[in-house]
Protein backbone atom coordinates (compact mmCIF):
# COMPACT_ATOMS: atom_id res chain seq x y z
CA MET A 1 157.57 69.79 101.17
CA ASN A 2 157.41 67.18 98.46
CA GLY A 3 155.51 68.62 95.55
CA LEU A 4 155.75 70.30 92.20
CA LYS A 5 156.34 74.05 92.33
CA LEU A 6 154.31 75.75 89.60
CA THR A 7 154.95 79.44 90.25
CA GLY A 8 155.57 82.08 92.89
CA LEU A 9 152.92 84.55 94.03
CA TRP A 10 153.33 88.15 95.08
CA LYS A 11 151.16 90.27 97.39
CA SER A 12 149.54 93.25 95.73
CA LYS A 13 146.74 95.66 96.57
CA THR A 14 143.65 96.53 94.55
CA LYS A 15 142.73 100.16 93.91
CA ASP A 16 140.46 99.99 96.96
CA GLY A 17 143.24 98.62 99.19
CA LYS A 18 142.33 94.91 99.32
CA THR A 19 145.24 92.46 99.35
CA TYR A 20 145.49 89.72 96.72
CA LEU A 21 148.16 87.37 95.36
CA SER A 22 149.31 87.31 91.74
CA GLY A 23 151.79 85.51 89.57
CA THR A 24 152.15 83.88 86.18
CA LEU A 25 151.97 80.34 84.93
CA GLY A 26 153.37 80.31 81.41
CA SER A 27 151.20 82.70 79.41
CA ILE A 28 148.46 82.81 82.05
CA LYS A 29 148.09 85.30 84.88
CA VAL A 30 147.18 83.71 88.25
CA LEU A 31 145.17 85.72 90.80
CA VAL A 32 144.07 84.69 94.30
CA PHE A 33 141.50 86.80 96.13
CA THR A 34 139.88 86.49 99.55
CA ASN A 35 136.37 85.06 99.17
CA GLU A 36 134.23 88.06 100.06
CA TYR A 37 131.07 85.95 99.72
CA LYS A 38 132.03 83.47 102.45
CA LYS A 39 129.02 82.91 104.70
CA LYS A 40 129.85 79.65 106.48
CA ASP A 41 132.95 77.68 107.46
CA SER A 42 132.47 75.21 104.61
CA ASP A 43 132.78 78.00 101.99
CA PRO A 44 136.30 78.47 100.58
CA ASP A 45 138.53 81.14 102.13
CA TYR A 46 140.09 82.14 98.79
CA THR A 47 139.14 82.10 95.11
CA LEU A 48 141.64 81.32 92.31
CA PHE A 49 141.32 83.00 88.91
CA PHE A 50 143.21 82.48 85.66
CA ALA A 51 143.33 85.37 83.18
CA PRO A 52 145.19 86.09 79.95
CA LYS A 53 148.36 88.08 80.49
CA GLU A 54 147.99 91.73 79.58
CA GLU A 55 150.16 92.99 76.74
CA LYS A 56 152.34 94.99 79.16
CA ASP A 57 152.96 91.76 81.14
CA ARG A 58 154.21 89.87 78.09
CA PRO A 59 157.91 90.02 77.22
CA ALA A 60 158.76 91.62 73.89
CA PRO A 61 159.51 89.08 71.17
CA ALA A 62 163.20 88.41 70.65
CA ALA A 63 164.77 90.08 67.64
CA SER A 64 165.41 87.59 64.88
CA GLU A 65 167.24 87.54 61.60
CA PRO A 66 165.16 88.80 58.68
CA ASP A 67 163.66 86.05 56.56
CA PRO A 68 165.47 86.14 53.19
CA ASP A 69 162.23 85.14 51.44
CA PHE A 70 160.46 88.26 52.73
CA GLY A 71 163.24 90.84 52.38
């Protein structure tokens, strides 16, 4: 496929057992859920959400040298 790969997605399950896809795009969490409100064929099959990454999802900042101006 000729295209630009943005991220990978992983299958996960919600607390109530529904499957969804998740991944990250820089500092943004990407979530794809089945459209549970689909009523006709022209409605989308999936819905894409962007959310801020949770603190536990963010890597710890790299240790750096102390700034001599701040001790």
